[in-house]
Amino acid sequence: YRGVACLGYGLPVEGTPWLVVAKMDEAEAWRQFHLVTLFSSLMLFGVLLLVGGWMLGRSRQRMGLQNLLDEVDDLYQNAPCGYHSLDAEGRIVNVNETELAMLGYAREEFVGRRITEFMTVASRDHFGRSFPEFARTGRVRDLEFDFVRKDGRVQPVLVSGDLVRDAE
């Protein structure tokens, strides 16, 4: 209409040859749609920024926690004395690098086996008497055992331990 793009709709007027025509400039008709689209796009962009910021924060937090875990693991693995963890049946579930080096075994040779497999016969008997008391009281201090190194030499050790229970 007059050189401007329009949207229009016409209906006949009953009993006449006339039409009633409603028209609106196309720009005016689409203005509200464009405003809603712009507002929705801005909201979506804002939500994406918030989610991205939250994810970045979580990622940094995870990296910080991982750094702390790596530091604790380094302290455990390279402690100046041997450490190992046993399950309720006396099987080795974890051991540090210091103890492995002290006894000459690889981790695969050590973890999963009973600790008594690496002891002299006398120490096995001593362990058999001490372990139930340890399980009952949750603590032992300065127990002497003789471990057999991979090369066959006997390695005297002084053991202190604390019982830590998990959910099971």
N, C-alpha and C. Protein backbone atom coordinates (compact mmCIF):
# COMPACT_ATOMS: atom_id res chain seq x y z
N TYR A 1 0.85 -1.17 0.00
CA TYR A 1 0.00 0.00 0.00
C TYR A 1 0.89 1.22 0.00
N ARG A 2 0.80 2.05 -1.01
CA ARG A 2 1.60 3.26 -1.18
C ARG A 2 3.09 2.98 -1.10
N GLY A 3 3.50 1.88 -1.67
CA GLY A 3 4.93 1.55 -1.75
C GLY A 3 5.49 0.89 -0.50
N VAL A 4 4.64 0.59 0.51
CA VAL A 4 5.10 -0.06 1.74
C VAL A 4 4.50 -1.46 1.78
N ALA A 5 5.35 -2.45 2.08
CA ALA A 5 4.85 -3.83 2.17
C ALA A 5 3.86 -3.93 3.31
N CYS A 6 2.71 -4.55 3.03
CA CYS A 6 1.65 -4.66 4.02
C CYS A 6 1.13 -6.08 4.07
N LEU A 7 0.46 -6.34 5.18
CA LEU A 7 -0.31 -7.57 5.33
C LEU A 7 -1.76 -7.12 5.39
N GLY A 8 -2.63 -7.83 4.69
CA GLY A 8 -4.02 -7.42 4.68
C GLY A 8 -4.95 -8.61 4.65
N TYR A 9 -6.21 -8.33 5.03
CA TYR A 9 -7.22 -9.37 5.04
C TYR A 9 -8.54 -8.70 4.70
N GLY A 10 -9.29 -9.31 3.81
CA GLY A 10 -10.56 -8.71 3.41
C GLY A 10 -11.71 -9.68 3.54
N LEU A 11 -12.89 -9.14 3.92
CA LEU A 11 -14.11 -9.93 4.03
C LEU A 11 -15.22 -9.16 3.29
N PRO A 12 -16.10 -9.89 2.63
CA PRO A 12 -17.21 -9.19 1.94
C PRO A 12 -18.24 -8.66 2.95
N VAL A 13 -18.79 -7.54 2.64
CA VAL A 13 -19.87 -6.98 3.47
C VAL A 13 -21.17 -7.50 2.85
N GLU A 14 -21.97 -8.17 3.67
CA GLU A 14 -23.19 -8.84 3.19
C GLU A 14 -24.15 -7.85 2.53
N GLY A 15 -24.65 -8.24 1.39
CA GLY A 15 -25.65 -7.45 0.68
C GLY A 15 -25.05 -6.28 -0.10
N THR A 16 -23.71 -6.19 -0.13
CA THR A 16 -23.08 -5.10 -0.89
C THR A 16 -21.95 -5.69 -1.72
N PRO A 17 -21.51 -4.93 -2.68
CA PRO A 17 -20.35 -5.40 -3.46
C PRO A 17 -19.03 -5.01 -2.78
N TRP A 18 -19.12 -4.52 -1.60
CA TRP A 18 -17.94 -4.01 -0.91
C TRP A 18 -17.22 -5.09 -0.14
N LEU A 19 -15.96 -4.75 0.16
CA LEU A 19 -15.12 -5.59 1.04
C LEU A 19 -14.62 -4.72 2.18
N VAL A 20 -14.56 -5.29 3.34
CA VAL A 20 -13.90 -4.62 4.45
C VAL A 20 -12.47 -5.18 4.47
N VAL A 21 -11.53 -4.29 4.40
CA VAL A 21 -10.13 -4.71 4.34
C VAL A 21 -9.42 -4.14 5.56
N ALA A 22 -8.71 -5.06 6.26
CA ALA A 22 -7.84 -4.62 7.36
C ALA A 22 -6.42 -4.78 6.88
N LYS A 23 -5.60 -3.75 7.09
CA LYS A 23 -4.22 -3.85 6.65
C LYS A 23 -3.31 -3.30 7.73
N MET A 24 -2.10 -3.81 7.68
CA MET A 24 -1.08 -3.35 8.64
C MET A 24 0.25 -3.41 7.91
N ASP A 25 1.05 -2.38 8.15
CA ASP A 25 2.39 -2.41 7.55
C ASP A 25 3.12 -3.66 8.04
N GLU A 26 3.85 -4.29 7.14
CA GLU A 26 4.55 -5.53 7.49
C GLU A 26 5.52 -5.31 8.66
N ALA A 27 6.22 -4.22 8.67
CA ALA A 27 7.19 -3.93 9.74
C ALA A 27 6.48 -3.84 11.09
N GLU A 28 5.29 -3.21 11.09
CA GLU A 28 4.53 -3.11 12.34
C GLU A 28 4.01 -4.47 12.78
N ALA A 29 3.60 -5.27 11.82
CA ALA A 29 3.07 -6.60 12.14
C ALA A 29 4.16 -7.49 12.76
N TRP A 30 5.36 -7.39 12.27
CA TRP A 30 6.46 -8.25 12.75
C TRP A 30 7.21 -7.65 13.94
N ARG A 31 6.97 -6.41 14.31
CA ARG A 31 7.73 -5.74 15.38
C ARG A 31 7.67 -6.52 16.69
N GLN A 32 6.50 -6.93 17.11
CA GLN A 32 6.36 -7.66 18.37
C GLN A 32 7.09 -9.01 18.31
N PHE A 33 6.96 -9.69 17.16
CA PHE A 33 7.67 -10.96 16.99
C PHE A 33 9.19 -10.75 17.12
N HIS A 34 9.68 -9.71 16.47
CA HIS A 34 11.12 -9.43 16.55
C HIS A 34 11.56 -9.07 17.97
N LEU A 35 10.72 -8.34 18.69
CA LEU A 35 11.04 -8.01 20.09
C LEU A 35 11.09 -9.28 20.95
N VAL A 36 10.12 -10.15 20.77
CA VAL A 36 10.09 -11.40 21.54
C VAL A 36 11.31 -12.25 21.18
N THR A 37 11.63 -12.31 19.90
CA THR A 37 12.80 -13.08 19.46
C THR A 37 14.08 -12.50 20.05
N LEU A 38 14.22 -11.19 20.01
CA LEU A 38 15.41 -10.55 20.58
C LEU A 38 15.50 -10.80 22.08
N PHE A 39 14.39 -10.63 22.80
CA PHE A 39 14.38 -10.86 24.24
C PHE A 39 14.73 -12.31 24.56
N SER A 40 14.12 -13.25 23.80
CA SER A 40 14.40 -14.67 24.03
C SER A 40 15.87 -15.00 23.75
N SER A 41 16.41 -14.44 22.70
CA SER A 41 17.82 -14.67 22.36
C SER A 41 18.73 -14.14 23.45
N LEU A 42 18.42 -12.95 23.96
CA LEU A 42 19.23 -12.38 25.04
C LEU A 42 19.14 -13.23 26.31
N MET A 43 17.95 -13.71 26.60
CA MET A 43 17.77 -14.58 27.78
C MET A 43 18.56 -15.87 27.61
N LEU A 44 18.47 -16.47 26.44
CA LEU A 44 19.20 -17.71 26.16
C LEU A 44 20.70 -17.47 26.27
N PHE A 45 21.18 -16.37 25.72
CA PHE A 45 22.60 -16.03 25.82
C PHE A 45 23.00 -15.86 27.28
N GLY A 46 22.17 -15.20 28.06
CA GLY A 46 22.45 -15.03 29.49
C GLY A 46 22.51 -16.35 30.23
N VAL A 47 21.56 -17.23 29.94
CA VAL A 47 21.55 -18.55 30.58
C VAL A 47 22.81 -19.33 30.18
N LEU A 48 23.17 -19.27 28.90
CA LEU A 48 24.38 -19.95 28.45
C LEU A 48 25.63 -19.39 29.15
N LEU A 49 25.67 -18.09 29.33
CA LEU A 49 26.80 -17.49 30.07
C LEU A 49 26.85 -17.97 31.51
N LEU A 50 25.68 -18.03 32.15
CA LEU A 50 25.63 -18.50 33.54
C LEU A 50 26.06 -19.97 33.64
N VAL A 51 25.53 -20.81 32.76
CA VAL A 51 25.89 -22.23 32.78
C VAL A 51 27.37 -22.40 32.47
N GLY A 52 27.87 -21.67 31.48
CA GLY A 52 29.29 -21.73 31.15
C GLY A 52 30.16 -21.31 32.32
N GLY A 53 29.78 -20.23 33.00
CA GLY A 53 30.53 -19.78 34.17
C GLY A 53 30.50 -20.81 35.29
N TRP A 54 29.33 -21.41 35.50
CA TRP A 54 29.21 -22.44 36.54
C TRP A 54 30.09 -23.64 36.19
N MET A 55 30.05 -24.06 34.92
CA MET A 55 30.86 -25.21 34.50
C MET A 55 32.36 -24.91 34.62
N LEU A 56 32.75 -23.70 34.28
CA LEU A 56 34.16 -23.31 34.42
C LEU A 56 34.57 -23.34 35.89
N GLY A 57 33.71 -22.83 36.75
CA GLY A 57 33.99 -22.87 38.19
C GLY A 57 34.12 -24.28 38.71
N ARG A 58 33.21 -25.15 38.28
CA ARG A 58 33.27 -26.57 38.70
C ARG A 58 34.54 -27.23 38.18
N SER A 59 34.90 -26.91 36.95
CA SER A 59 36.11 -27.48 36.37
C SER A 59 37.34 -27.03 37.15
N ARG A 60 37.39 -25.77 37.50
CA ARG A 60 38.52 -25.27 38.30
C ARG A 60 38.54 -25.92 39.67
N GLN A 61 37.36 -26.09 40.25
CA GLN A 61 37.27 -26.74 41.56
C GLN A 61 37.76 -28.18 41.48
N ARG A 62 37.34 -28.90 40.42
CA ARG A 62 37.79 -30.28 40.22
C ARG A 62 39.30 -30.35 40.03
N MET A 63 39.83 -29.39 39.27
CA MET A 63 41.29 -29.37 39.06
C MET A 63 42.01 -29.12 40.38
N GLY A 64 41.46 -28.24 41.19
CA GLY A 64 42.06 -27.97 42.50
C GLY A 64 42.03 -29.21 43.38
N LEU A 65 40.88 -29.90 43.39
CA LEU A 65 40.77 -31.13 44.17
C LEU A 65 41.71 -32.20 43.64
N GLN A 66 41.82 -32.29 42.32
CA GLN A 66 42.72 -33.29 41.73
C GLN A 66 44.16 -32.98 42.10
N ASN A 67 44.52 -31.70 42.11
CA ASN A 67 45.88 -31.33 42.52
C ASN A 67 46.14 -31.74 43.96
N LEU A 68 45.15 -31.53 44.83
CA LEU A 68 45.31 -31.95 46.23
C LEU A 68 45.42 -33.46 46.34
N LEU A 69 44.59 -34.18 45.59
CA LEU A 69 44.67 -35.65 45.61
C LEU A 69 46.03 -36.13 45.09
N ASP A 70 46.52 -35.50 44.05
CA ASP A 70 47.84 -35.87 43.52
C ASP A 70 48.93 -35.61 44.56
N GLU A 71 48.81 -34.51 45.29
CA GLU A 71 49.80 -34.19 46.32
C GLU A 71 49.76 -35.21 47.46
N VAL A 72 48.55 -35.57 47.90
CA VAL A 72 48.42 -36.57 48.96
C VAL A 72 48.95 -37.92 48.48
N ASP A 73 48.64 -38.29 47.24
CA ASP A 73 49.15 -39.56 46.70
C ASP A 73 50.67 -39.55 46.62
N ASP A 74 51.24 -38.42 46.23
CA ASP A 74 52.71 -38.31 46.17
C ASP A 74 53.31 -38.46 47.58
N LEU A 75 52.67 -37.83 48.56
CA LEU A 75 53.16 -37.97 49.93
C LEU A 75 53.07 -39.42 50.40
N TYR A 76 51.96 -40.11 50.07
CA TYR A 76 51.78 -41.51 50.44
C TYR A 76 52.80 -42.39 49.74
N GLN A 77 52.90 -42.24 48.42
CA GLN A 77 53.78 -43.12 47.65
C GLN A 77 55.26 -42.94 48.01
N ASN A 78 55.66 -41.73 48.34
CA ASN A 78 57.08 -41.44 48.58
C ASN A 78 57.39 -41.14 50.04
N ALA A 79 56.56 -41.63 50.93
CA ALA A 79 56.81 -41.43 52.37
C ALA A 79 58.12 -42.12 52.75
N PRO A 80 58.75 -41.68 53.83
CA PRO A 80 60.03 -42.28 54.23
C PRO A 80 59.89 -43.67 54.85
N CYS A 81 58.65 -44.15 55.00
CA CYS A 81 58.47 -45.50 55.53
C CYS A 81 57.39 -46.20 54.70
N GLY A 82 57.38 -47.52 54.82
CA GLY A 82 56.42 -48.30 54.06
C GLY A 82 55.02 -48.20 54.64
N TYR A 83 54.05 -48.17 53.77
CA TYR A 83 52.64 -48.18 54.16
C TYR A 83 51.92 -49.23 53.35
N HIS A 84 51.05 -49.96 53.99
CA HIS A 84 50.14 -50.84 53.26
C HIS A 84 48.81 -50.88 53.99
N SER A 85 47.77 -51.23 53.24
CA SER A 85 46.43 -51.38 53.79
C SER A 85 45.98 -52.81 53.56
N LEU A 86 45.32 -53.36 54.57
CA LEU A 86 44.82 -54.74 54.49
C LEU A 86 43.30 -54.73 54.59
N ASP A 87 42.68 -55.74 53.99
CA ASP A 87 41.25 -55.91 54.20
C ASP A 87 41.02 -56.76 55.45
N ALA A 88 39.79 -57.08 55.74
CA ALA A 88 39.45 -57.81 56.97
C ALA A 88 40.07 -59.21 57.01
N GLU A 89 40.42 -59.77 55.86
CA GLU A 89 41.04 -61.10 55.82
C GLU A 89 42.57 -61.03 55.77
N GLY A 90 43.14 -59.84 55.85
CA GLY A 90 44.59 -59.71 55.84
C GLY A 90 45.20 -59.67 54.44
N ARG A 91 44.35 -59.43 53.40
CA ARG A 91 44.86 -59.28 52.04
C ARG A 91 45.27 -57.83 51.82
N ILE A 92 46.34 -57.66 51.06
CA ILE A 92 46.86 -56.32 50.79
C ILE A 92 45.98 -55.66 49.73
N VAL A 93 45.45 -54.49 50.06
CA VAL A 93 44.62 -53.76 49.10
C VAL A 93 45.35 -52.54 48.54
N ASN A 94 46.36 -52.07 49.26
CA ASN A 94 47.14 -50.93 48.78
C ASN A 94 48.50 -50.96 49.45
N VAL A 95 49.50 -50.47 48.74
CA VAL A 95 50.86 -50.42 49.27
C VAL A 95 51.58 -49.25 48.61
N ASN A 96 52.47 -48.61 49.36
CA ASN A 96 53.17 -47.48 48.74
C ASN A 96 54.47 -47.93 48.09
N GLU A 97 55.02 -47.05 47.27
CA GLU A 97 56.24 -47.36 46.52
C GLU A 97 57.42 -47.61 47.46
N THR A 98 57.45 -46.94 48.60
CA THR A 98 58.56 -47.11 49.53
C THR A 98 58.62 -48.55 50.03
N GLU A 99 57.49 -49.11 50.41
CA GLU A 99 57.47 -50.49 50.90
C GLU A 99 57.81 -51.47 49.78
N LEU A 100 57.30 -51.22 48.60
CA LEU A 100 57.64 -52.09 47.47
C LEU A 100 59.14 -52.09 47.21
N ALA A 101 59.76 -50.92 47.24
CA ALA A 101 61.20 -50.82 47.02
C ALA A 101 61.96 -51.50 48.16
N MET A 102 61.48 -51.33 49.38
CA MET A 102 62.14 -51.92 50.55
C MET A 102 62.15 -53.45 50.46
N LEU A 103 61.06 -54.03 49.96
CA LEU A 103 60.95 -55.48 49.90
C LEU A 103 61.31 -56.05 48.52
N GLY A 104 61.42 -55.18 47.52
CA GLY A 104 61.85 -55.63 46.20
C GLY A 104 60.77 -56.22 45.31
N TYR A 105 59.51 -56.02 45.64
CA TYR A 105 58.42 -56.59 44.86
C TYR A 105 57.80 -55.53 43.94
N ALA A 106 57.19 -56.00 42.87
CA ALA A 106 56.37 -55.14 42.02
C ALA A 106 54.96 -55.10 42.62
N ARG A 107 54.25 -54.06 42.34
CA ARG A 107 52.89 -53.90 42.88
C ARG A 107 52.01 -55.09 42.53
N GLU A 108 52.12 -55.61 41.30
CA GLU A 108 51.29 -56.73 40.86
C GLU A 108 51.61 -58.01 41.64
N GLU A 109 52.81 -58.12 42.16
CA GLU A 109 53.19 -59.30 42.94
C GLU A 109 52.69 -59.21 44.38
N PHE A 110 52.36 -58.03 44.82
CA PHE A 110 52.09 -57.77 46.23
C PHE A 110 50.60 -57.59 46.52
N VAL A 111 49.94 -56.71 45.78
CA VAL A 111 48.54 -56.37 46.04
C VAL A 111 47.64 -57.57 45.73
N GLY A 112 46.69 -57.83 46.62
CA GLY A 112 45.74 -58.92 46.46
C GLY A 112 46.14 -60.19 47.19
N ARG A 113 47.36 -60.27 47.63
CA ARG A 113 47.82 -61.46 48.35
C ARG A 113 47.77 -61.20 49.85
N ARG A 114 47.79 -62.26 50.62
CA ARG A 114 47.79 -62.12 52.08
C ARG A 114 49.16 -61.63 52.53
N ILE A 115 49.15 -60.73 53.48
CA ILE A 115 50.41 -60.17 53.99
C ILE A 115 51.30 -61.26 54.58
N THR A 116 50.69 -62.29 55.12
CA THR A 116 51.48 -63.36 55.75
C THR A 116 52.32 -64.13 54.73
N GLU A 117 51.97 -64.06 53.45
CA GLU A 117 52.78 -64.72 52.42
C GLU A 117 54.18 -64.12 52.32
N PHE A 118 54.36 -62.94 52.85
CA PHE A 118 55.64 -62.24 52.76
C PHE A 118 56.38 -62.24 54.10
N MET A 119 55.92 -63.07 55.05
CA MET A 119 56.51 -63.11 56.39
C MET A 119 57.21 -64.44 56.63
N THR A 120 58.13 -64.40 57.58
CA THR A 120 58.74 -65.66 58.02
C THR A 120 57.67 -66.45 58.79
N VAL A 121 57.92 -67.74 59.02
CA VAL A 121 56.95 -68.60 59.72
C VAL A 121 56.67 -68.04 61.12
N ALA A 122 57.72 -67.64 61.83
CA ALA A 122 57.53 -67.10 63.19
C ALA A 122 56.67 -65.83 63.16
N SER A 123 56.90 -64.99 62.17
CA SER A 123 56.11 -63.76 62.06
C SER A 123 54.67 -64.05 61.68
N ARG A 124 54.45 -65.09 60.89
CA ARG A 124 53.07 -65.47 60.54
C ARG A 124 52.30 -65.86 61.80
N ASP A 125 52.95 -66.62 62.68
CA ASP A 125 52.30 -67.01 63.94
C ASP A 125 52.01 -65.77 64.78
N HIS A 126 52.99 -64.89 64.86
CA HIS A 126 52.82 -63.65 65.64
C HIS A 126 51.68 -62.80 65.05
N PHE A 127 51.62 -62.72 63.73
CA PHE A 127 50.55 -61.98 63.06
C PHE A 127 49.19 -62.62 63.36
N GLY A 128 49.13 -63.94 63.30
CA GLY A 128 47.89 -64.67 63.58
C GLY A 128 47.36 -64.39 64.97
N ARG A 129 48.26 -64.19 65.92
CA ARG A 129 47.84 -63.86 67.29
C ARG A 129 47.49 -62.37 67.42
N SER A 130 48.14 -61.52 66.67
CA SER A 130 47.97 -60.07 66.81
C SER A 130 46.79 -59.50 66.03
N PHE A 131 46.50 -60.08 64.87
CA PHE A 131 45.48 -59.50 63.99
C PHE A 131 44.09 -59.46 64.61
N PRO A 132 43.63 -60.52 65.29
CA PRO A 132 42.29 -60.44 65.93
C PRO A 132 42.23 -59.34 67.00
N GLU A 133 43.29 -59.17 67.75
CA GLU A 133 43.32 -58.10 68.76
C GLU A 133 43.28 -56.73 68.08
N PHE A 134 44.02 -56.61 66.98
CA PHE A 134 44.01 -55.37 66.21
C PHE A 134 42.60 -55.08 65.69
N ALA A 135 41.92 -56.11 65.17
CA ALA A 135 40.56 -55.93 64.66
C ALA A 135 39.60 -55.52 65.78
N ARG A 136 39.85 -56.01 66.98
CA ARG A 136 38.97 -55.69 68.11
C ARG A 136 39.23 -54.28 68.64
N THR A 137 40.50 -53.92 68.85
CA THR A 137 40.83 -52.62 69.47
C THR A 137 40.99 -51.49 68.46
N GLY A 138 41.32 -51.85 67.21
CA GLY A 138 41.48 -50.83 66.19
C GLY A 138 42.83 -50.15 66.17
N ARG A 139 43.79 -50.68 66.95
CA ARG A 139 45.11 -50.03 66.98
C ARG A 139 46.17 -51.01 67.45
N VAL A 140 47.33 -50.93 66.81
CA VAL A 140 48.52 -51.65 67.27
C VAL A 140 49.70 -50.69 67.20
N ARG A 141 50.66 -50.89 68.08
CA ARG A 141 51.84 -50.04 68.09
C ARG A 141 53.08 -50.91 68.27
N ASP A 142 54.05 -50.67 67.42
CA ASP A 142 55.40 -51.24 67.53
C ASP A 142 55.43 -52.77 67.61
N LEU A 143 54.71 -53.41 66.72
CA LEU A 143 54.81 -54.87 66.62
C LEU A 143 55.98 -55.20 65.68
N GLU A 144 56.79 -56.17 66.09
CA GLU A 144 57.94 -56.56 65.27
C GLU A 144 57.60 -57.78 64.44
N PHE A 145 57.87 -57.69 63.14
CA PHE A 145 57.68 -58.79 62.20
C PHE A 145 58.92 -58.90 61.33
N ASP A 146 59.14 -60.10 60.79
CA ASP A 146 60.20 -60.30 59.81
C ASP A 146 59.55 -60.61 58.47
N PHE A 147 59.80 -59.74 57.51
CA PHE A 147 59.31 -59.94 56.15
C PHE A 147 60.42 -60.59 55.32
N VAL A 148 60.03 -61.35 54.33
CA VAL A 148 60.99 -61.96 53.42
C VAL A 148 60.99 -61.15 52.13
N ARG A 149 62.14 -60.57 51.84
CA ARG A 149 62.29 -59.78 50.62
C ARG A 149 62.24 -60.69 49.40
N LYS A 150 62.05 -60.13 48.25
CA LYS A 150 61.99 -60.92 47.02
C LYS A 150 63.30 -61.68 46.78
N ASP A 151 64.43 -61.08 47.20
CA ASP A 151 65.72 -61.74 47.01
C ASP A 151 66.01 -62.79 48.09
N GLY A 152 65.04 -63.02 49.01
CA GLY A 152 65.19 -64.05 50.02
C GLY A 152 65.73 -63.57 51.36
N ARG A 153 66.27 -62.37 51.40
CA ARG A 153 66.77 -61.85 52.67
C ARG A 153 65.61 -61.48 53.58
N VAL A 154 65.89 -61.55 54.88
CA VAL A 154 64.88 -61.22 55.88
C VAL A 154 64.99 -59.73 56.21
N GLN A 155 63.84 -59.07 56.22
CA GLN A 155 63.78 -57.63 56.51
C GLN A 155 62.96 -57.43 57.78
N PRO A 156 63.62 -57.09 58.91
CA PRO A 156 62.84 -56.81 60.12
C PRO A 156 62.08 -55.49 59.96
N VAL A 157 60.84 -55.48 60.42
CA VAL A 157 60.02 -54.26 60.35
C VAL A 157 59.31 -54.05 61.68
N LEU A 158 59.02 -52.81 61.94
CA LEU A 158 58.27 -52.42 63.13
C LEU A 158 56.94 -51.86 62.62
N VAL A 159 55.83 -52.49 63.03
CA VAL A 159 54.51 -52.14 62.48
C VAL A 159 53.66 -51.44 63.54
N SER A 160 53.07 -50.33 63.11
CA SER A 160 52.04 -49.65 63.88
C SER A 160 50.87 -49.45 62.93
N GLY A 161 49.67 -49.59 63.44
CA GLY A 161 48.53 -49.47 62.55
C GLY A 161 47.27 -49.00 63.26
N ASP A 162 46.39 -48.43 62.48
CA ASP A 162 45.08 -47.99 62.94
C ASP A 162 44.02 -48.58 62.01
N LEU A 163 42.93 -49.03 62.60
CA LEU A 163 41.85 -49.63 61.84
C LEU A 163 40.95 -48.52 61.31
N VAL A 164 40.66 -48.59 60.02
CA VAL A 164 39.73 -47.67 59.39
C VAL A 164 38.65 -48.52 58.75
N ARG A 165 37.41 -48.26 59.12
CA ARG A 165 36.30 -49.06 58.59
C ARG A 165 35.62 -48.26 57.47
N ASP A 166 35.18 -48.98 56.45
CA ASP A 166 34.37 -48.35 55.40
C ASP A 166 32.92 -48.77 55.61
N ALA A 167 32.07 -48.44 54.68
CA ALA A 167 30.63 -48.72 54.83
C ALA A 167 30.35 -50.22 54.93
N GLU A 168 31.21 -51.04 54.37
CA GLU A 168 30.99 -52.48 54.39
C GLU A 168 31.68 -53.13 55.57
